[in-house]
Amino acid sequence: MTIIKVIYTVCLVLYFALLPPPAFARTVSDQLGREVKIPENPQRLVTLAASLTEIVFALNQEHRLVGVEQFSNYPAAAENLPKVGSYISPDVERIVALRPDLCLAIKDGNPRHRVEWLESLGIPVYAVDPRNLEGVIATVHEIGHLLNAGDQAETLAKDLFQRRQHIISLVGRSVHCPRVFLQIGISPIVSAGSHTFLDELITTAGGVNLTAGKVPYPRFSQEQVLALQPEVIIITSMTRGEIFERVKAFWHQWSTLPAARDNRIYLVDSDIVDRPSPRIFAGLEALFGLLHPELAGGLQ
């Protein structure tokens, strides 16, 4: 950090520290059990994760956003909003300069000391911790009520719940649950264990997660994957472009692999299966369509 940057940071922090404390109208408990004092009607909102940005847009409350996490790329309008650093390294000085009256954070990813720094400057931070599909629906409800958008939240949550239930009913018609290997890391090969979003998506979509187990994100060798004999391979990663196709082509060369033999190796956009936002239900529907193409017509 340059001396100019240090001086700027110190001046900015001192400036906001000397401002009169904002008036808070209500106290709420966030998903970490912390009591947070927030305005009755927040007007200047900063989201510290792309999933939270998506939820705010899904609730039609984007007019409140003054800053978003740098990977907020959906919907397209989010890309034009001021960026406040990554979810693992939010830029506190940039956030403070935007004068938010509420920040939304997520437990997995946002560093606790940065959240505490913001709070020490009088900026309330409401943290969420969705762990499954039901948790996403609950988070939609909570954020909707924080933003006085309870009706929109109720409508959205009901739609998400019904979409999940529809998938469950369709899976009930299937006669076979294919064995699935989901690859989220390229080198090394990484998959998803039990009690992860990806495991829940696979099983809810009517598949058998071959890597279920206590380790959340286990690593595998090429030989171990071949020994599992997956009927379906799903490849999802933040890496895009040619490397995706190279990995797909690699698995296709093994003619003894059921997924290769039956041409059931698929690429899936990580944004719709990794982010705990309403779009994860689109990810669920996409996986169902890949695992049960014979029943995919029921999605329409």
C-alpha atoms as a PDB file:
ATOM      1  CA  MET A   1       0.000   0.000   0.000  1.00  0.00           C
ATOM      2  CA  THR A   2       1.434   3.391  -1.030  1.00  0.00           C
ATOM      3  CA  ILE A   3       1.800   6.265   1.420  1.00  0.00           C
ATOM      4  CA  ILE A   4      -0.923   8.168  -0.473  1.00  0.00           C
ATOM      5  CA  LYS A   5      -3.253   5.206  -0.092  1.00  0.00           C
ATOM      6  CA  VAL A   6      -2.499   5.022   3.639  1.00  0.00           C
ATOM      7  CA  ILE A   7      -3.175   8.741   4.118  1.00  0.00           C
ATOM      8  CA  TYR A   8      -6.401   8.482   2.107  1.00  0.00           C
ATOM      9  CA  THR A   9      -7.580   5.510   4.135  1.00  0.00           C
ATOM     10  CA  VAL A  10      -6.838   7.164   7.470  1.00  0.00           C
ATOM     11  CA  CYS A  11      -8.585  10.385   6.448  1.00  0.00           C
ATOM     12  CA  LEU A  12     -11.615   8.525   5.150  1.00  0.00           C
ATOM     13  CA  VAL A  13     -11.975   6.437   8.288  1.00  0.00           C
ATOM     14  CA  LEU A  14     -11.525   9.486  10.546  1.00  0.00           C
ATOM     15  CA  TYR A  15     -14.080  11.444   8.545  1.00  0.00           C
ATOM     16  CA  PHE A  16     -16.775   8.827   8.927  1.00  0.00           C
ATOM     17  CA  ALA A  17     -15.848   8.122  12.519  1.00  0.00           C
ATOM     18  CA  LEU A  18     -16.527  11.786  13.355  1.00  0.00           C
ATOM     19  CA  LEU A  19     -19.908  11.874  11.653  1.00  0.00           C
ATOM     20  CA  PRO A  20     -22.930  11.768  13.985  1.00  0.00           C
ATOM     21  CA  PRO A  21     -24.222   8.212  14.369  1.00  0.00           C
ATOM     22  CA  PRO A  22     -27.077   7.355  12.004  1.00  0.00           C
ATOM     23  CA  ALA A  23     -30.537   6.873  13.406  1.00  0.00           C
ATOM     24  CA  PHE A  24     -31.615   3.243  13.526  1.00  0.00           C
ATOM     25  CA  ALA A  25     -35.249   2.321  13.751  1.00  0.00           C
ATOM     26  CA  ARG A  26     -35.251  -1.411  14.465  1.00  0.00           C
ATOM     27  CA  THR A  27     -33.138  -4.252  15.776  1.00  0.00           C
ATOM     28  CA  VAL A  28     -33.150  -7.603  13.960  1.00  0.00           C
ATOM     29  CA  SER A  29     -31.317 -10.906  14.396  1.00  0.00           C
ATOM     30  CA  ASP A  30     -29.355 -12.093  11.387  1.00  0.00           C
ATOM     31  CA  GLN A  31     -28.764 -15.728  10.440  1.00  0.00           C
ATOM     32  CA  LEU A  32     -25.672 -15.877  12.639  1.00  0.00           C
ATOM     33  CA  GLY A  33     -27.749 -14.930  15.685  1.00  0.00           C
ATOM     34  CA  ARG A  34     -26.259 -11.428  15.920  1.00  0.00           C
ATOM     35  CA  GLU A  35     -28.429  -8.468  16.809  1.00  0.00           C
ATOM     36  CA  VAL A  36     -28.134  -5.781  14.137  1.00  0.00           C
ATOM     37  CA  LYS A  37     -29.588  -2.286  14.281  1.00  0.00           C
ATOM     38  CA  ILE A  38     -30.833  -1.259  10.852  1.00  0.00           C
ATOM     39  CA  PRO A  39     -32.825   1.620   9.341  1.00  0.00           C
ATOM     40  CA  GLU A  40     -36.574   1.201   9.074  1.00  0.00           C
ATOM     41  CA  ASN A  41     -36.316   1.621   5.313  1.00  0.00           C
ATOM     42  CA  PRO A  42     -32.736   1.082   3.998  1.00  0.00           C
ATOM     43  CA  GLN A  43     -32.012   3.220   0.965  1.00  0.00           C
ATOM     44  CA  ARG A  44     -28.298   2.694   0.262  1.00  0.00           C
ATOM     45  CA  LEU A  45     -27.468  -0.982   0.074  1.00  0.00           C
ATOM     46  CA  VAL A  46     -24.150  -2.775  -0.544  1.00  0.00           C
ATOM     47  CA  THR A  47     -24.037  -6.516  -1.222  1.00  0.00           C
ATOM     48  CA  LEU A  48     -20.854  -8.422  -0.384  1.00  0.00           C
ATOM     49  CA  ALA A  49     -21.606 -11.522  -2.485  1.00  0.00           C
ATOM     50  CA  ALA A  50     -22.946 -12.056  -5.995  1.00  0.00           C
ATOM     51  CA  SER A  51     -25.722 -14.291  -4.660  1.00  0.00           C
ATOM     52  CA  LEU A  52     -26.999 -11.444  -2.485  1.00  0.00           C
ATOM     53  CA  THR A  53     -26.952  -9.074  -5.450  1.00  0.00           C
ATOM     54  CA  GLU A  54     -29.082 -11.569  -7.368  1.00  0.00           C
ATOM     55  CA  ILE A  55     -31.582 -11.826  -4.514  1.00  0.00           C
ATOM     56  CA  VAL A  56     -31.980  -8.040  -4.329  1.00  0.00           C
ATOM     57  CA  PHE A  57     -32.622  -7.889  -8.079  1.00  0.00           C
ATOM     58  CA  ALA A  58     -35.041 -10.827  -7.895  1.00  0.00           C
ATOM     59  CA  LEU A  59     -37.018  -8.855  -5.294  1.00  0.00           C
ATOM     60  CA  ASN A  60     -37.098  -5.819  -7.652  1.00  0.00           C
ATOM     61  CA  GLN A  61     -35.192  -3.763  -5.085  1.00  0.00           C
ATOM     62  CA  GLU A  62     -32.144  -2.990  -7.228  1.00  0.00           C
ATOM     63  CA  HIS A  63     -32.854   0.750  -6.968  1.00  0.00           C
ATOM     64  CA  ARG A  64     -31.440   0.532  -3.434  1.00  0.00           C
ATOM     65  CA  LEU A  65     -28.058  -0.824  -4.539  1.00  0.00           C
ATOM     66  CA  VAL A  66     -25.114   1.577  -4.430  1.00  0.00           C
ATOM     67  CA  GLY A  67     -22.364  -1.074  -4.548  1.00  0.00           C
ATOM     68  CA  VAL A  68     -21.968  -4.787  -5.251  1.00  0.00           C
ATOM     69  CA  GLU A  69     -19.340  -7.523  -5.001  1.00  0.00           C
ATOM     70  CA  GLN A  70     -17.074  -7.624  -8.055  1.00  0.00           C
ATOM     71  CA  PHE A  71     -18.346 -10.952  -9.418  1.00  0.00           C
ATOM     72  CA  SER A  72     -21.938  -9.706  -9.510  1.00  0.00           C
ATOM     73  CA  ASN A  73     -22.660 -10.363 -13.179  1.00  0.00           C
ATOM     74  CA  TYR A  74     -26.359 -11.191 -13.142  1.00  0.00           C
ATOM     75  CA  PRO A  75     -28.599  -9.709 -14.230  1.00  0.00           C
ATOM     76  CA  ALA A  76     -26.686  -7.633 -16.756  1.00  0.00           C
ATOM     77  CA  ALA A  77     -27.578  -4.390 -14.978  1.00  0.00           C
ATOM     78  CA  ALA A  78     -25.530  -5.533 -11.965  1.00  0.00           C
ATOM     79  CA  GLU A  79     -22.335  -5.226 -13.994  1.00  0.00           C
ATOM     80  CA  ASN A  80     -22.833  -1.467 -14.253  1.00  0.00           C
ATOM     81  CA  LEU A  81     -22.990  -0.907 -10.493  1.00  0.00           C
ATOM     82  CA  PRO A  82     -19.933   0.233  -8.471  1.00  0.00           C
ATOM     83  CA  LYS A  83     -17.805  -2.721  -7.364  1.00  0.00           C
ATOM     84  CA  VAL A  84     -16.543  -3.097  -3.791  1.00  0.00           C
ATOM     85  CA  GLY A  85     -13.946  -5.852  -4.175  1.00  0.00           C
ATOM     86  CA  SER A  86     -14.337  -9.612  -4.041  1.00  0.00           C
ATOM     87  CA  TYR A  87     -16.353 -11.518  -1.460  1.00  0.00           C
ATOM     88  CA  ILE A  88     -13.142 -12.790   0.156  1.00  0.00           C
ATOM     89  CA  SER A  89     -11.539  -9.353   0.139  1.00  0.00           C
ATOM     90  CA  PRO A  90     -14.138  -6.559   0.283  1.00  0.00           C
ATOM     91  CA  ASP A  91     -12.704  -3.065  -0.043  1.00  0.00           C
ATOM     92  CA  VAL A  92     -13.737  -1.374   3.202  1.00  0.00           C
ATOM     93  CA  GLU A  93     -12.611   2.091   2.105  1.00  0.00           C
ATOM     94  CA  ARG A  94     -14.603   1.827  -1.103  1.00  0.00           C
ATOM     95  CA  ILE A  95     -17.665   0.609   0.780  1.00  0.00           C
ATOM     96  CA  VAL A  96     -17.459   3.448   3.311  1.00  0.00           C
ATOM     97  CA  ALA A  97     -17.122   5.994   0.498  1.00  0.00           C
ATOM     98  CA  LEU A  98     -20.452   4.787  -0.934  1.00  0.00           C
ATOM     99  CA  ARG A  99     -22.180   5.729   2.365  1.00  0.00           C
ATOM    100  CA  PRO A 100     -24.368   2.625   2.698  1.00  0.00           C
ATOM    101  CA  ASP A 101     -26.979   2.443   5.427  1.00  0.00           C
ATOM    102  CA  LEU A 102     -26.943  -1.376   5.230  1.00  0.00           C
ATOM    103  CA  CYS A 103     -24.563  -4.060   3.988  1.00  0.00           C
ATOM    104  CA  LEU A 104     -25.579  -7.637   3.259  1.00  0.00           C
ATOM    105  CA  ALA A 105     -22.885 -10.257   3.925  1.00  0.00           C
ATOM    106  CA  ILE A 106     -22.561 -14.031   3.688  1.00  0.00           C
ATOM    107  CA  LYS A 107     -20.845 -16.189   6.283  1.00  0.00           C
ATOM    108  CA  ASP A 108     -18.942 -18.371   3.814  1.00  0.00           C
ATOM    109  CA  GLY A 109     -16.471 -16.047   2.160  1.00  0.00           C
ATOM    110  CA  ASN A 110     -16.774 -12.608   3.738  1.00  0.00           C
ATOM    111  CA  PRO A 111     -13.943 -12.189   6.284  1.00  0.00           C
ATOM    112  CA  ARG A 112     -15.235 -11.575   9.776  1.00  0.00           C
ATOM    113  CA  HIS A 113     -12.681  -8.853  10.535  1.00  0.00           C
ATOM    114  CA  ARG A 114     -13.816  -6.820   7.519  1.00  0.00           C
ATOM    115  CA  VAL A 115     -17.434  -7.064   8.673  1.00  0.00           C
ATOM    116  CA  GLU A 116     -16.422  -5.949  12.162  1.00  0.00           C
ATOM    117  CA  TRP A 117     -14.445  -3.063  10.672  1.00  0.00           C
ATOM    118  CA  LEU A 118     -17.532  -1.855   8.810  1.00  0.00           C
ATOM    119  CA  GLU A 119     -19.625  -2.140  11.949  1.00  0.00           C
ATOM    120  CA  SER A 120     -17.063  -0.179  13.955  1.00  0.00           C
ATOM    121  CA  LEU A 121     -17.623   2.671  11.485  1.00  0.00           C
ATOM    122  CA  GLY A 122     -21.354   2.647  12.138  1.00  0.00           C
ATOM    123  CA  ILE A 123     -22.369   0.659   9.041  1.00  0.00           C
ATOM    124  CA  PRO A 124     -24.791  -2.143   9.938  1.00  0.00           C
ATOM    125  CA  VAL A 125     -24.036  -5.544   8.391  1.00  0.00           C
ATOM    126  CA  TYR A 126     -26.707  -8.245   8.157  1.00  0.00           C
ATOM    127  CA  ALA A 127     -25.155 -11.681   7.566  1.00  0.00           C
ATOM    128  CA  VAL A 128     -26.823 -14.730   6.031  1.00  0.00           C
ATOM    129  CA  ASP A 129     -25.771 -18.366   6.036  1.00  0.00           C
ATOM    130  CA  PRO A 130     -27.953 -20.440   3.671  1.00  0.00           C
ATOM    131  CA  ARG A 131     -26.882 -24.098   3.769  1.00  0.00           C
ATOM    132  CA  ASN A 132     -29.459 -25.714   1.509  1.00  0.00           C
ATOM    133  CA  LEU A 133     -32.343 -24.950  -0.835  1.00  0.00           C
ATOM    134  CA  GLU A 134     -34.680 -24.259   2.067  1.00  0.00           C
ATOM    135  CA  GLY A 135     -32.052 -21.872   3.418  1.00  0.00           C
ATOM    136  CA  VAL A 136     -32.091 -19.935   0.136  1.00  0.00           C
ATOM    137  CA  ILE A 137     -35.866 -19.586   0.365  1.00  0.00           C
ATOM    138  CA  ALA A 138     -35.574 -18.406   3.987  1.00  0.00           C
ATOM    139  CA  THR A 139     -32.916 -15.877   2.965  1.00  0.00           C
ATOM    140  CA  VAL A 140     -35.206 -14.500   0.253  1.00  0.00           C
ATOM    141  CA  HIS A 141     -37.896 -14.039   2.915  1.00  0.00           C
ATOM    142  CA  GLU A 142     -35.539 -12.295   5.337  1.00  0.00           C
ATOM    143  CA  ILE A 143     -33.968  -9.910   2.852  1.00  0.00           C
ATOM    144  CA  GLY A 144     -37.411  -9.065   1.516  1.00  0.00           C
ATOM    145  CA  HIS A 145     -38.569  -8.055   4.985  1.00  0.00           C
ATOM    146  CA  LEU A 146     -35.373  -6.071   5.637  1.00  0.00           C
ATOM    147  CA  LEU A 147     -36.110  -4.045   2.497  1.00  0.00           C
ATOM    148  CA  ASN A 148     -39.849  -3.702   3.134  1.00  0.00           C
ATOM    149  CA  ALA A 149     -40.508  -5.948   0.147  1.00  0.00           C
ATOM    150  CA  GLY A 150     -42.372  -8.655   2.025  1.00  0.00           C
ATOM    151  CA  ASP A 151     -45.000  -9.171  -0.681  1.00  0.00           C
ATOM    152  CA  GLN A 152     -42.385  -9.626  -3.392  1.00  0.00           C
ATOM    153  CA  ALA A 153     -40.427 -11.972  -1.135  1.00  0.00           C
ATOM    154  CA  GLU A 154     -43.516 -14.064  -0.404  1.00  0.00           C
ATOM    155  CA  THR A 155     -44.321 -14.404  -4.106  1.00  0.00           C
ATOM    156  CA  LEU A 156     -40.746 -15.305  -5.025  1.00  0.00           C
ATOM    157  CA  ALA A 157     -40.330 -17.754  -2.153  1.00  0.00           C
ATOM    158  CA  LYS A 158     -43.585 -19.502  -3.042  1.00  0.00           C
ATOM    159  CA  ASP A 159     -42.463 -19.862  -6.659  1.00  0.00           C
ATOM    160  CA  LEU A 160     -39.075 -21.314  -5.651  1.00  0.00           C
ATOM    161  CA  PHE A 161     -40.704 -23.772  -3.253  1.00  0.00           C
ATOM    162  CA  GLN A 162     -43.171 -24.946  -5.901  1.00  0.00           C
ATOM    163  CA  ARG A 163     -40.391 -25.431  -8.466  1.00  0.00           C
ATOM    164  CA  ARG A 164     -38.480 -27.600  -6.012  1.00  0.00           C
ATOM    165  CA  GLN A 165     -41.566 -29.631  -5.192  1.00  0.00           C
ATOM    166  CA  HIS A 166     -42.319 -30.093  -8.887  1.00  0.00           C
ATOM    167  CA  ILE A 167     -38.862 -31.563  -9.448  1.00  0.00           C
ATOM    168  CA  ILE A 168     -39.358 -33.918  -6.509  1.00  0.00           C
ATOM    169  CA  SER A 169     -42.679 -35.087  -7.960  1.00  0.00           C
ATOM    170  CA  LEU A 170     -41.121 -35.667 -11.391  1.00  0.00           C
ATOM    171  CA  VAL A 171     -38.222 -37.632  -9.880  1.00  0.00           C
ATOM    172  CA  GLY A 172     -40.845 -39.847  -8.261  1.00  0.00           C
ATOM    173  CA  ARG A 173     -41.808 -41.027 -11.744  1.00  0.00           C
ATOM    174  CA  SER A 174     -38.289 -42.145 -12.646  1.00  0.00           C
ATOM    175  CA  VAL A 175     -37.379 -45.820 -12.726  1.00  0.00           C
ATOM    176  CA  HIS A 176     -33.627 -45.317 -12.334  1.00  0.00           C
ATOM    177  CA  CYS A 177     -31.373 -42.831 -10.527  1.00  0.00           C
ATOM    178  CA  PRO A 178     -28.132 -42.489 -12.523  1.00  0.00           C
ATOM    179  CA  ARG A 179     -24.766 -42.545 -10.757  1.00  0.00           C
ATOM    180  CA  VAL A 180     -23.254 -39.061 -11.005  1.00  0.00           C
ATOM    181  CA  PHE A 181     -19.721 -37.730 -10.695  1.00  0.00           C
ATOM    182  CA  LEU A 182     -19.703 -33.945 -10.445  1.00  0.00           C
ATOM    183  CA  GLN A 183     -16.357 -32.310 -11.159  1.00  0.00           C
ATOM    184  CA  ILE A 184     -15.830 -28.791  -9.836  1.00  0.00           C
ATOM    185  CA  GLY A 185     -12.043 -28.662  -9.913  1.00  0.00           C
ATOM    186  CA  ILE A 186      -9.910 -29.186 -12.991  1.00  0.00           C
ATOM    187  CA  SER A 187      -6.470 -29.752 -11.515  1.00  0.00           C
ATOM    188  CA  PRO A 188      -6.733 -31.374  -9.036  1.00  0.00           C
ATOM    189  CA  ILE A 189     -10.040 -33.126  -9.676  1.00  0.00           C
ATOM    190  CA  VAL A 190     -12.452 -32.000  -6.943  1.00  0.00           C
ATOM    191  CA  SER A 191     -16.021 -33.107  -6.347  1.00  0.00           C
ATOM    192  CA  ALA A 192     -18.747 -32.489  -3.743  1.00  0.00           C
ATOM    193  CA  GLY A 193     -19.480 -34.523  -0.625  1.00  0.00           C
ATOM    194  CA  SER A 194     -22.598 -34.733   1.524  1.00  0.00           C
ATOM    195  CA  HIS A 195     -24.256 -31.676   3.073  1.00  0.00           C
ATOM    196  CA  THR A 196     -23.231 -29.356   0.233  1.00  0.00           C
ATOM    197  CA  PHE A 197     -25.455 -27.498  -2.194  1.00  0.00           C
ATOM    198  CA  LEU A 198     -24.133 -29.597  -5.065  1.00  0.00           C
ATOM    199  CA  ASP A 199     -24.918 -32.853  -3.283  1.00  0.00           C
ATOM    200  CA  GLU A 200     -28.451 -31.645  -2.577  1.00  0.00           C
ATOM    201  CA  LEU A 201     -28.914 -30.585  -6.199  1.00  0.00           C
ATOM    202  CA  ILE A 202     -27.803 -33.997  -7.498  1.00  0.00           C
ATOM    203  CA  THR A 203     -29.972 -36.006  -5.143  1.00  0.00           C
ATOM    204  CA  THR A 204     -33.023 -33.741  -5.478  1.00  0.00           C
ATOM    205  CA  ALA A 205     -32.680 -33.928  -9.273  1.00  0.00           C
ATOM    206  CA  GLY A 206     -32.833 -37.708  -9.056  1.00  0.00           C
ATOM    207  CA  GLY A 207     -29.197 -38.747  -9.171  1.00  0.00           C
ATOM    208  CA  VAL A 208     -26.859 -40.717  -6.922  1.00  0.00           C
ATOM    209  CA  ASN A 209     -23.871 -38.649  -5.834  1.00  0.00           C
ATOM    210  CA  LEU A 210     -20.909 -41.015  -6.114  1.00  0.00           C
ATOM    211  CA  THR A 211     -18.756 -38.770  -3.924  1.00  0.00           C
ATOM    212  CA  ALA A 212     -21.154 -38.401  -0.997  1.00  0.00           C
ATOM    213  CA  GLY A 213     -19.315 -38.567   2.303  1.00  0.00           C
ATOM    214  CA  LYS A 214     -17.998 -36.585   5.247  1.00  0.00           C
ATOM    215  CA  VAL A 215     -15.425 -34.593   3.263  1.00  0.00           C
ATOM    216  CA  PRO A 216     -17.256 -31.575   1.759  1.00  0.00           C
ATOM    217  CA  TYR A 217     -15.024 -31.260  -1.305  1.00  0.00           C
ATOM    218  CA  PRO A 218     -12.973 -34.451  -1.770  1.00  0.00           C
ATOM    219  CA  ARG A 219     -10.150 -34.823  -4.277  1.00  0.00           C
ATOM    220  CA  PHE A 220      -9.844 -37.682  -6.733  1.00  0.00           C
ATOM    221  CA  SER A 221      -7.273 -39.142  -9.065  1.00  0.00           C
ATOM    222  CA  GLN A 222      -8.137 -40.002 -12.642  1.00  0.00           C
ATOM    223  CA  GLU A 223      -7.989 -43.691 -11.735  1.00  0.00           C
ATOM    224  CA  GLN A 224     -10.420 -43.243  -8.852  1.00  0.00           C
ATOM    225  CA  VAL A 225     -12.966 -41.529 -11.077  1.00  0.00           C
ATOM    226  CA  LEU A 226     -12.719 -44.319 -13.651  1.00  0.00           C
ATOM    227  CA  ALA A 227     -13.174 -46.909 -10.913  1.00  0.00           C
ATOM    228  CA  LEU A 228     -16.417 -45.217  -9.803  1.00  0.00           C
ATOM    229  CA  GLN A 229     -17.903 -45.901 -13.259  1.00  0.00           C
ATOM    230  CA  PRO A 230     -20.210 -42.873 -13.313  1.00  0.00           C
ATOM    231  CA  GLU A 231     -23.162 -42.996 -15.679  1.00  0.00           C
ATOM    232  CA  VAL A 232     -23.198 -39.190 -15.846  1.00  0.00           C
ATOM    233  CA  ILE A 233     -20.355 -36.697 -15.459  1.00  0.00           C
ATOM    234  CA  ILE A 234     -21.212 -33.076 -14.743  1.00  0.00           C
ATOM    235  CA  ILE A 235     -18.379 -30.570 -15.123  1.00  0.00           C
ATOM    236  CA  THR A 236     -18.870 -27.185 -13.510  1.00  0.00           C
ATOM    237  CA  SER A 237     -16.228 -24.610 -12.731  1.00  0.00           C
ATOM    238  CA  MET A 238     -15.642 -20.873 -12.576  1.00  0.00           C
ATOM    239  CA  THR A 239     -13.143 -21.528 -15.368  1.00  0.00           C
ATOM    240  CA  ARG A 240     -14.731 -20.926 -18.738  1.00  0.00           C
ATOM    241  CA  GLY A 241     -14.007 -21.488 -22.383  1.00  0.00           C
ATOM    242  CA  GLU A 242     -11.623 -23.946 -23.998  1.00  0.00           C
ATOM    243  CA  ILE A 243     -10.507 -25.673 -20.782  1.00  0.00           C
ATOM    244  CA  PHE A 244     -14.100 -26.817 -20.247  1.00  0.00           C
ATOM    245  CA  GLU A 245     -14.115 -28.558 -23.597  1.00  0.00           C
ATOM    246  CA  ARG A 246     -10.677 -30.087 -22.984  1.00  0.00           C
ATOM    247  CA  VAL A 247     -11.841 -31.717 -19.764  1.00  0.00           C
ATOM    248  CA  LYS A 248     -14.956 -33.026 -21.481  1.00  0.00           C
ATOM    249  CA  ALA A 249     -12.855 -34.455 -24.312  1.00  0.00           C
ATOM    250  CA  PHE A 250     -10.495 -36.073 -21.795  1.00  0.00           C
ATOM    251  CA  TRP A 251     -13.260 -38.129 -20.201  1.00  0.00           C
ATOM    252  CA  HIS A 252     -14.718 -39.032 -23.583  1.00  0.00           C
ATOM    253  CA  GLN A 253     -11.556 -40.912 -24.538  1.00  0.00           C
ATOM    254  CA  TRP A 254     -12.329 -43.666 -21.995  1.00  0.00           C
ATOM    255  CA  SER A 255     -14.672 -45.977 -23.892  1.00  0.00           C
ATOM    256  CA  THR A 256     -15.149 -48.216 -20.837  1.00  0.00           C
ATOM    257  CA  LEU A 257     -16.617 -45.298 -18.883  1.00  0.00           C
ATOM    258  CA  PRO A 258     -20.435 -45.489 -18.952  1.00  0.00           C
ATOM    259  CA  ALA A 259     -20.777 -41.693 -19.139  1.00  0.00           C
ATOM    260  CA  ALA A 260     -18.457 -41.589 -22.166  1.00  0.00           C
ATOM    261  CA  ARG A 261     -20.014 -44.636 -23.832  1.00  0.00           C
ATOM    262  CA  ASP A 262     -23.506 -43.135 -23.563  1.00  0.00           C
ATOM    263  CA  ASN A 263     -22.401 -39.583 -24.371  1.00  0.00           C
ATOM    264  CA  ARG A 264     -23.544 -38.269 -20.991  1.00  0.00           C
ATOM    265  CA  ILE A 265     -20.753 -35.854 -20.105  1.00  0.00           C
ATOM    266  CA  TYR A 266     -22.116 -32.361 -19.647  1.00  0.00           C
ATOM    267  CA  LEU A 267     -20.866 -28.848 -18.957  1.00  0.00           C
ATOM    268  CA  VAL A 268     -22.944 -26.711 -16.575  1.00  0.00           C
ATOM    269  CA  ASP A 269     -22.527 -22.998 -15.798  1.00  0.00           C
ATOM    270  CA  SER A 270     -21.206 -22.838 -12.237  1.00  0.00           C
ATOM    271  CA  ASP A 271     -23.148 -19.633 -11.521  1.00  0.00           C
ATOM    272  CA  ILE A 272     -26.468 -21.494 -11.461  1.00  0.00           C
ATOM    273  CA  VAL A 273     -25.331 -24.322  -9.180  1.00  0.00           C
ATOM    274  CA  ASP A 274     -22.807 -22.610  -6.887  1.00  0.00           C
ATOM    275  CA  ARG A 275     -24.574 -19.414  -5.847  1.00  0.00           C
ATOM    276  CA  PRO A 276     -27.216 -19.605  -3.089  1.00  0.00           C
ATOM    277  CA  SER A 277     -29.585 -17.342  -5.001  1.00  0.00           C
ATOM    278  CA  PRO A 278     -32.928 -17.905  -6.750  1.00  0.00           C
ATOM    279  CA  ARG A 279     -31.029 -19.057  -9.832  1.00  0.00           C
ATOM    280  CA  ILE A 280     -29.910 -22.199  -8.012  1.00  0.00           C
ATOM    281  CA  PHE A 281     -33.441 -23.499  -8.655  1.00  0.00           C
ATOM    282  CA  ALA A 282     -32.770 -23.043 -12.375  1.00  0.00           C
ATOM    283  CA  GLY A 283     -29.631 -25.089 -11.764  1.00  0.00           C
ATOM    284  CA  LEU A 284     -31.752 -27.794 -10.137  1.00  0.00           C
ATOM    285  CA  GLU A 285     -34.041 -27.877 -13.161  1.00  0.00           C
ATOM    286  CA  ALA A 286     -31.075 -27.992 -15.532  1.00  0.00           C
ATOM    287  CA  LEU A 287     -29.550 -30.955 -13.685  1.00  0.00           C
ATOM    288  CA  PHE A 288     -32.880 -32.765 -13.673  1.00  0.00           C
ATOM    289  CA  GLY A 289     -33.121 -32.318 -17.436  1.00  0.00           C
ATOM    290  CA  LEU A 290     -29.660 -33.846 -17.878  1.00  0.00           C
ATOM    291  CA  LEU A 291     -30.218 -36.740 -15.476  1.00  0.00           C
ATOM    292  CA  HIS A 292     -33.743 -37.554 -16.644  1.00  0.00           C
ATOM    293  CA  PRO A 293     -34.160 -36.376 -20.247  1.00  0.00           C
ATOM    294  CA  GLU A 294     -37.070 -38.783 -20.628  1.00  0.00           C
ATOM    295  CA  LEU A 295     -39.005 -36.716 -18.052  1.00  0.00           C
ATOM    296  CA  ALA A 296     -37.686 -33.251 -18.941  1.00  0.00           C
ATOM    297  CA  GLY A 297     -40.870 -32.407 -20.828  1.00  0.00           C
ATOM    298  CA  GLY A 298     -42.609 -32.188 -17.487  1.00  0.00           C
ATOM    299  CA  LEU A 299     -40.651 -29.043 -16.668  1.00  0.00           C
ATOM    300  CA  GLN A 300     -42.630 -26.974 -19.140  1.00  0.00           C
END
